[in-house]
Amino acid sequence: MSEMTAAAAALAEIGPAVSVFGSARIKPDSIHYQRAIKIGQLLAKEGFAVLVGGGPGIMHAANQGAHEAGGVSVGLHIVLPKESAPNPYQTIGLSFRHFAPRKAAFFMHSMAYIALPGGFGTLDELFEALTLIQTKKLPPGPIILVGIAFWSGLTHWINQQLLANGLIDAADPHVFTVVDSPEEAVAHIQRFYKAHLNAIAQRGSLPV
């Protein structure tokens, strides 16, 4: 509870924010790393705070892009035995010992979510966002997967297994969008934000 309270206080005034999820193992020479830098830059230039896990890889890249563009760059760092130290590109940095309050901080303060390639942690965050929006525990918001080649196998499985077997509704695969460029991802979020500006401004922190 103390971690949730501290996060709520620290993030109360950051304004409209977008969470960016992705692997800590992605290297700087990867196209995914470069896309994450660009996403951070574009979001910051559009006035969105950028929330990431605060570590290396995709998290480092998105923080770097947002920080260098002069935006609000938030790192929600998880303390783990083998996890690297928080990256230096953060205007707000918080450390968590527990995953639950860390994830709650993402979902309480974000109006959209971008997922780049990642492993179990990224998939956990992605599917929690999908579940919370599907069950209306969060208001509708863009969930964007960046990297068609990486995500196409998952989207095919969702349609061929979950949808075909009646395990999700026909509308559920449309909760997320798959794109290939940072520009497409941020433009999608900007259109949503402009269309729902009043509702986003009024709701403030979101219950989870």
Protein backbone atom coordinates (compact mmCIF):
# COMPACT_ATOMS: atom_id res chain seq x y z
CA MET A 1 0.00 0.00 0.00
CA SER A 2 2.85 2.40 0.74
CA GLU A 3 4.23 1.88 -2.77
CA MET A 4 0.81 2.58 -4.32
CA THR A 5 0.37 5.71 -2.20
CA ALA A 6 3.83 7.02 -3.10
CA ALA A 7 3.21 6.39 -6.80
CA ALA A 8 -0.18 8.11 -6.71
CA ALA A 9 1.35 11.20 -5.11
CA ALA A 10 4.34 11.34 -7.47
CA LEU A 11 2.27 10.89 -10.65
CA ALA A 12 -0.80 12.91 -9.75
CA GLU A 13 0.11 15.91 -11.91
CA ILE A 14 1.86 14.36 -14.92
CA GLY A 15 -1.08 14.95 -17.27
CA PRO A 16 -2.10 12.59 -20.10
CA ALA A 17 0.33 9.67 -20.16
CA VAL A 18 1.14 6.65 -22.32
CA SER A 19 2.72 3.44 -21.03
CA VAL A 20 5.37 1.84 -23.22
CA PHE A 21 6.10 -1.85 -22.63
CA GLY A 22 8.99 -3.89 -24.04
CA SER A 23 11.96 -6.09 -23.30
CA ALA A 24 14.92 -5.14 -21.13
CA ARG A 25 17.06 -7.37 -23.38
CA ILE A 26 16.68 -5.41 -26.62
CA LYS A 27 20.05 -3.94 -27.68
CA PRO A 28 20.70 -0.43 -29.04
CA ASP A 29 21.46 -1.74 -32.54
CA SER A 30 17.96 -3.26 -32.81
CA ILE A 31 15.27 -1.64 -34.95
CA HIS A 32 12.92 -2.09 -31.97
CA TYR A 33 15.25 -0.01 -29.77
CA GLN A 34 15.36 2.75 -32.35
CA ARG A 35 11.58 2.66 -32.69
CA ALA A 36 11.25 3.03 -28.91
CA ILE A 37 13.47 6.12 -28.91
CA LYS A 38 11.34 7.63 -31.67
CA ILE A 39 8.12 6.76 -29.86
CA GLY A 40 9.38 8.48 -26.71
CA GLN A 41 10.35 11.56 -28.71
CA LEU A 42 7.04 11.78 -30.57
CA LEU A 43 4.93 11.26 -27.47
CA ALA A 44 6.84 13.95 -25.58
CA LYS A 45 6.51 16.41 -28.47
CA GLU A 46 2.74 15.82 -28.47
CA GLY A 47 2.59 16.60 -24.74
CA PHE A 48 2.19 13.06 -23.41
CA ALA A 49 4.10 11.80 -20.39
CA VAL A 50 5.90 8.52 -21.08
CA LEU A 51 5.68 5.72 -18.49
CA VAL A 52 8.06 2.78 -18.77
CA GLY A 53 9.63 0.20 -16.50
CA GLY A 54 12.71 2.32 -15.91
CA GLY A 55 15.28 -0.33 -16.80
CA PRO A 56 17.43 -1.11 -19.87
CA GLY A 57 16.43 -2.11 -23.39
CA ILE A 58 13.12 -0.78 -24.68
CA MET A 59 12.56 0.98 -21.37
CA HIS A 60 15.87 2.83 -21.61
CA ALA A 61 15.14 3.80 -25.22
CA ALA A 62 11.65 5.18 -24.58
CA ASN A 63 12.85 7.11 -21.50
CA GLN A 64 15.76 8.49 -23.52
CA GLY A 65 13.54 9.65 -26.37
CA ALA A 66 11.08 11.38 -24.06
CA HIS A 67 13.80 12.94 -21.88
CA GLU A 68 15.80 14.29 -24.81
CA ALA A 69 12.63 15.77 -26.32
CA GLY A 70 12.02 17.68 -23.09
CA GLY A 71 9.02 15.65 -21.97
CA VAL A 72 7.94 13.95 -18.76
CA SER A 73 9.86 10.68 -18.67
CA VAL A 74 8.73 8.31 -15.90
CA GLY A 75 10.49 5.12 -14.84
CA LEU A 76 8.67 2.58 -12.67
CA HIS A 77 11.60 0.39 -11.73
CA ILE A 78 11.14 -3.07 -10.24
CA VAL A 79 13.76 -4.23 -7.74
CA LEU A 80 14.85 -7.77 -8.69
CA PRO A 81 17.98 -9.83 -7.94
CA LYS A 82 19.18 -9.76 -11.56
CA GLU A 83 17.58 -6.50 -12.72
CA SER A 84 19.80 -3.63 -13.83
CA ALA A 85 19.82 -0.26 -12.10
CA PRO A 86 17.33 2.37 -13.27
CA ASN A 87 18.36 4.14 -16.47
CA PRO A 88 19.39 7.82 -16.24
CA TYR A 89 16.75 9.28 -18.60
CA GLN A 90 13.98 9.88 -16.07
CA THR A 91 12.38 13.07 -14.83
CA ILE A 92 10.44 10.96 -12.31
CA GLY A 93 11.84 7.68 -11.04
CA LEU A 94 10.09 5.29 -8.65
CA SER A 95 11.29 1.95 -7.32
CA PHE A 96 8.99 -0.94 -6.44
CA ARG A 97 9.66 -4.19 -4.61
CA HIS A 98 6.30 -5.65 -5.63
CA PHE A 99 4.83 -6.11 -9.10
CA ALA A 100 1.20 -5.45 -8.15
CA PRO A 101 1.54 -1.78 -7.12
CA ARG A 102 3.91 -1.17 -10.03
CA LYS A 103 1.38 -2.45 -12.55
CA ALA A 104 -1.39 -0.53 -10.81
CA ALA A 105 0.67 2.64 -11.29
CA PHE A 106 0.85 2.01 -15.03
CA PHE A 107 -2.88 1.50 -15.37
CA MET A 108 -3.99 4.23 -12.98
CA HIS A 109 -2.10 6.92 -14.87
CA SER A 110 -2.18 5.91 -18.56
CA MET A 111 -4.74 6.68 -21.24
CA ALA A 112 -3.03 4.49 -23.87
CA TYR A 113 -0.53 1.63 -24.11
CA ILE A 114 2.20 0.78 -26.61
CA ALA A 115 3.82 -2.66 -26.65
CA LEU A 116 7.08 -3.33 -28.45
CA PRO A 117 8.69 -6.78 -28.61
CA GLY A 118 9.29 -8.38 -25.24
CA GLY A 119 9.12 -11.56 -23.21
CA PHE A 120 6.91 -12.79 -20.38
CA GLY A 121 6.91 -9.46 -18.54
CA THR A 122 5.81 -7.54 -21.63
CA LEU A 123 3.11 -10.10 -22.41
CA ASP A 124 1.91 -9.93 -18.80
CA GLU A 125 1.55 -6.14 -19.01
CA LEU A 126 -0.07 -6.31 -22.45
CA PHE A 127 -2.67 -8.90 -21.50
CA GLU A 128 -3.45 -7.14 -18.24
CA ALA A 129 -4.21 -3.98 -20.24
CA LEU A 130 -6.38 -6.00 -22.64
CA THR A 131 -8.21 -7.68 -19.76
CA LEU A 132 -8.86 -4.48 -17.82
CA ILE A 133 -10.28 -2.74 -20.89
CA GLN A 134 -12.25 -5.83 -22.00
CA THR A 135 -13.87 -6.10 -18.55
CA LYS A 136 -14.41 -2.31 -18.34
CA LYS A 137 -12.24 -1.96 -15.24
CA LEU A 138 -10.44 0.70 -17.27
CA PRO A 139 -12.00 3.18 -19.70
CA PRO A 140 -11.45 2.38 -23.39
CA GLY A 141 -8.05 3.44 -24.66
CA PRO A 142 -5.66 2.59 -27.49
CA ILE A 143 -3.52 -0.52 -27.12
CA ILE A 144 -0.98 -0.52 -29.93
CA LEU A 145 1.46 -3.29 -30.80
CA VAL A 146 4.45 -1.98 -32.74
CA GLY A 147 6.20 -4.45 -35.05
CA ILE A 148 3.97 -6.37 -37.46
CA ALA A 149 6.50 -9.16 -38.06
CA PHE A 150 6.93 -9.77 -34.33
CA TRP A 151 3.25 -9.61 -33.31
CA SER A 152 1.62 -11.32 -36.32
CA GLY A 153 1.99 -14.82 -34.86
CA LEU A 154 0.23 -13.79 -31.66
CA THR A 155 -2.58 -11.98 -33.45
CA HIS A 156 -3.09 -15.01 -35.71
CA TRP A 157 -3.28 -17.31 -32.67
CA ILE A 158 -5.79 -15.01 -30.96
CA ASN A 159 -8.05 -15.19 -34.01
CA GLN A 160 -7.52 -18.87 -34.81
CA GLN A 161 -7.74 -20.20 -31.27
CA LEU A 162 -9.39 -17.76 -28.87
CA LEU A 163 -11.92 -16.24 -31.26
CA ALA A 164 -12.62 -19.39 -33.30
CA ASN A 165 -13.28 -21.40 -30.15
CA GLY A 166 -15.60 -18.81 -28.64
CA LEU A 167 -13.20 -17.91 -25.82
CA ILE A 168 -13.42 -14.19 -26.59
CA ASP A 169 -16.06 -12.04 -28.27
CA ALA A 170 -15.86 -10.95 -31.89
CA ALA A 171 -15.13 -7.38 -30.81
CA ASP A 172 -12.21 -8.29 -28.54
CA PRO A 173 -9.46 -8.55 -31.20
CA HIS A 174 -10.32 -4.97 -32.16
CA VAL A 175 -9.31 -3.71 -28.71
CA PHE A 176 -5.74 -3.54 -29.99
CA THR A 177 -4.10 -2.26 -33.18
CA VAL A 178 -0.91 -3.52 -34.85
CA VAL A 179 1.32 -1.02 -36.68
CA ASP A 180 4.89 -0.90 -37.92
CA SER A 181 6.04 2.65 -37.31
CA PRO A 182 6.31 5.01 -34.35
CA GLU A 183 4.52 7.67 -36.37
CA GLU A 184 1.48 5.42 -36.87
CA ALA A 185 1.37 4.51 -33.19
CA VAL A 186 1.54 8.09 -31.92
CA ALA A 187 -0.88 9.40 -34.56
CA HIS A 188 -3.42 6.79 -33.44
CA ILE A 189 -3.07 7.91 -29.83
CA GLN A 190 -3.29 11.58 -30.77
CA ARG A 191 -6.54 11.00 -32.71
CA PHE A 192 -8.03 9.16 -29.76
CA TYR A 193 -6.93 11.85 -27.33
CA LYS A 194 -8.46 14.66 -29.39
CA ALA A 195 -11.72 12.73 -29.77
CA HIS A 196 -11.97 12.03 -26.01
CA LEU A 197 -10.22 15.09 -24.57
CA ASN A 198 -12.96 16.11 -22.15
CA ALA A 199 -13.50 12.61 -20.74
CA ILE A 200 -9.76 12.07 -20.24
CA ALA A 201 -9.33 15.45 -18.53
CA GLN A 202 -12.22 14.80 -16.15
CA ARG A 203 -11.47 11.27 -14.99
CA GLY A 204 -7.99 11.90 -13.49
CA SER A 205 -6.50 8.84 -11.80
CA LEU A 206 -8.27 5.65 -12.72
CA PRO A 207 -9.50 2.97 -10.31
CA VAL A 208 -8.06 -0.50 -10.86
